[in-house]
Amino acid sequence: MTEILFYHLENHPLERVLPVLVEKSLERGWKVVVETGSEERAEVLDLLLWTYRDDSFLPHARAEGDADELQPVLITSRPHNPNSANVRFFVDRAVPQAGDGYQRIVFLFSGHDPDAVTEARAAWRALGPGNELTYWQQDSEGRWTKRG
């Protein structure tokens, strides 16, 4: 059974939320894959993870490199797992189709994009059988509240 977390972004953008969640995954000793909806967004996230904080960075690479299997965090727009990640993040309209092969799936979607919300609802229904689903929503201060 895979743990699948749905993060409904409303008050803080992906660029503020994703680095924190990736950092927490690394603290657990997990390898991470971040799947984006496009190569253009993969480029943006690549830069973000190097510069999101002045005093830190997240060690990572874009997938399709020479040493993907050694990377703690990979960014890709393809549905592969070249670093044998424990957790996979789906962002920027990349939608999980299954939970197989991962300890945790994290699906982050914008509450300001009606199409993304519709996709999240469909994914919730499709992924429910055989997985442990939880739904997290931001409060007005950006804290996460478990809703389901």
Protein backbone atom coordinates (compact mmCIF):
# COMPACT_ATOMS: atom_id res chain seq x y z
CA MET A 1 0.00 0.00 0.00
CA THR A 2 1.32 3.40 -0.98
CA GLU A 3 0.68 6.51 1.07
CA ILE A 4 -0.69 9.20 -1.28
CA LEU A 5 -0.90 12.80 -0.06
CA PHE A 6 -2.93 15.43 -1.89
CA TYR A 7 -1.75 18.99 -1.15
CA HIS A 8 -4.30 21.64 -2.15
CA LEU A 9 -2.28 24.85 -2.66
CA GLU A 10 -4.31 27.96 -1.92
CA ASN A 11 -2.29 30.51 0.05
CA HIS A 12 1.33 29.71 -0.83
CA PRO A 13 2.59 28.88 -4.30
CA LEU A 14 4.31 25.67 -5.31
CA GLU A 15 7.67 27.46 -5.35
CA ARG A 16 7.37 28.09 -1.62
CA VAL A 17 5.91 24.70 -0.63
CA LEU A 18 7.85 22.18 -2.74
CA PRO A 19 11.39 22.88 -1.42
CA VAL A 20 10.23 22.43 2.18
CA LEU A 21 8.53 19.11 1.43
CA VAL A 22 11.53 17.83 -0.55
CA GLU A 23 13.84 18.87 2.30
CA LYS A 24 11.71 16.92 4.79
CA SER A 25 11.85 13.86 2.54
CA LEU A 26 15.64 14.04 2.43
CA GLU A 27 15.76 14.35 6.23
CA ARG A 28 13.94 10.98 6.36
CA GLY A 29 16.67 9.47 4.21
CA TRP A 30 14.43 9.13 1.17
CA LYS A 31 15.38 9.64 -2.45
CA VAL A 32 13.00 11.89 -4.38
CA VAL A 33 11.70 12.27 -7.93
CA VAL A 34 9.80 15.43 -8.85
CA GLU A 35 7.68 15.02 -11.97
CA THR A 36 6.56 18.20 -13.73
CA GLY A 37 4.04 18.71 -16.48
CA SER A 38 6.65 20.11 -18.91
CA GLU A 39 10.36 20.48 -19.57
CA GLU A 40 10.02 24.26 -19.20
CA ARG A 41 8.73 23.88 -15.65
CA ALA A 42 11.46 21.31 -14.90
CA GLU A 43 14.00 24.03 -15.77
CA VAL A 44 12.31 26.52 -13.45
CA LEU A 45 12.22 24.02 -10.55
CA ASP A 46 15.85 23.09 -11.16
CA LEU A 47 16.88 26.70 -10.61
CA LEU A 48 14.50 27.06 -7.65
CA LEU A 49 16.00 24.15 -5.72
CA TRP A 50 19.47 25.72 -6.01
CA THR A 51 18.36 29.19 -4.91
CA TYR A 52 15.21 28.92 -2.77
CA ARG A 53 17.08 29.95 0.39
CA ASP A 54 20.18 32.11 0.81
CA ASP A 55 21.73 29.77 3.39
CA SER A 56 20.93 26.43 1.76
CA PHE A 57 20.24 24.46 -1.40
CA LEU A 58 18.79 21.07 -2.16
CA PRO A 59 21.21 18.67 -3.89
CA HIS A 60 19.50 17.57 -7.09
CA ALA A 61 19.81 17.13 -10.84
CA ARG A 62 17.69 17.00 -13.94
CA ALA A 63 16.97 13.44 -15.05
CA GLU A 64 18.73 11.93 -18.07
CA GLY A 65 22.19 12.65 -16.64
CA ASP A 66 25.16 10.32 -16.38
CA ALA A 67 24.69 9.50 -12.71
CA ASP A 68 20.92 9.64 -12.15
CA GLU A 69 21.00 6.61 -9.86
CA LEU A 70 23.26 8.51 -7.42
CA GLN A 71 21.14 11.65 -7.17
CA PRO A 72 19.12 12.26 -3.98
CA VAL A 73 16.59 14.36 -5.94
CA LEU A 74 15.78 14.20 -9.65
CA ILE A 75 13.51 16.48 -11.65
CA THR A 76 11.83 15.00 -14.70
CA SER A 77 8.86 15.35 -16.98
CA ARG A 78 8.76 11.60 -17.68
CA PRO A 79 7.15 8.77 -15.66
CA HIS A 80 10.38 6.92 -14.80
CA ASN A 81 12.29 6.37 -11.55
CA PRO A 82 16.00 6.47 -12.45
CA ASN A 83 17.27 7.04 -8.89
CA SER A 84 15.03 4.40 -7.25
CA ALA A 85 13.21 7.10 -5.29
CA ASN A 86 11.06 6.34 -2.27
CA VAL A 87 8.82 9.36 -2.81
CA ARG A 88 7.51 10.96 -5.98
CA PHE A 89 6.13 14.50 -6.19
CA PHE A 90 3.68 15.39 -8.97
CA VAL A 91 3.53 19.12 -9.73
CA ASP A 92 2.49 21.55 -12.45
CA ARG A 93 -0.31 19.42 -13.89
CA ALA A 94 1.60 16.13 -13.78
CA VAL A 95 -1.01 13.74 -12.35
CA PRO A 96 -0.31 10.42 -10.60
CA GLN A 97 -1.78 7.40 -12.35
CA ALA A 98 -0.73 4.76 -9.79
CA GLY A 99 1.13 4.44 -6.51
CA ASP A 100 3.11 1.34 -7.37
CA GLY A 101 6.82 1.34 -6.59
CA TYR A 102 6.86 4.20 -4.09
CA GLN A 103 6.53 4.50 -0.34
CA ARG A 104 4.83 7.86 -0.78
CA ILE A 105 3.28 9.89 -3.59
CA VAL A 106 2.74 13.63 -3.09
CA PHE A 107 0.39 15.40 -5.49
CA LEU A 108 0.50 19.21 -5.26
CA PHE A 109 -2.19 21.11 -7.15
CA SER A 110 -3.36 24.70 -7.30
CA GLY A 111 -6.76 25.52 -5.85
CA HIS A 112 -6.83 28.53 -8.19
CA ASP A 113 -6.82 26.33 -11.30
CA PRO A 114 -10.23 24.70 -11.85
CA ASP A 115 -8.75 22.13 -14.25
CA ALA A 116 -6.14 21.10 -11.68
CA VAL A 117 -8.85 20.69 -9.03
CA THR A 118 -10.87 18.51 -11.43
CA GLU A 119 -7.78 16.39 -12.13
CA ALA A 120 -7.14 16.03 -8.40
CA ARG A 121 -10.69 14.82 -7.78
CA ALA A 122 -10.37 12.26 -10.58
CA ALA A 123 -7.00 11.10 -9.23
CA TRP A 124 -8.48 10.74 -5.73
CA ARG A 125 -11.19 8.42 -7.06
CA ALA A 126 -8.80 6.43 -9.25
CA LEU A 127 -6.05 6.00 -6.64
CA GLY A 128 -8.30 5.24 -3.66
CA PRO A 129 -8.52 1.46 -3.96
CA GLY A 130 -5.46 -0.19 -2.42
CA ASN A 131 -3.75 3.03 -1.27
CA GLU A 132 -3.82 5.19 1.83
CA LEU A 133 -5.06 8.65 0.77
CA THR A 134 -4.88 11.87 2.78
CA TYR A 135 -5.94 15.37 1.78
CA TRP A 136 -4.13 18.45 3.10
CA GLN A 137 -5.37 22.02 2.77
CA GLN A 138 -3.70 25.31 3.68
CA ASP A 139 -5.25 27.62 6.24
CA SER A 140 -5.02 31.40 5.94
CA GLU A 141 -1.49 31.42 7.45
CA GLY A 142 -0.27 28.67 5.13
CA ARG A 143 -0.27 25.89 7.74
CA TRP A 144 -1.42 22.47 6.58
CA THR A 145 -4.56 20.88 7.95
CA LYS A 146 -5.39 17.25 7.32
CA ARG A 147 -8.91 17.01 5.90
CA GLY A 148 -9.26 13.39 4.89
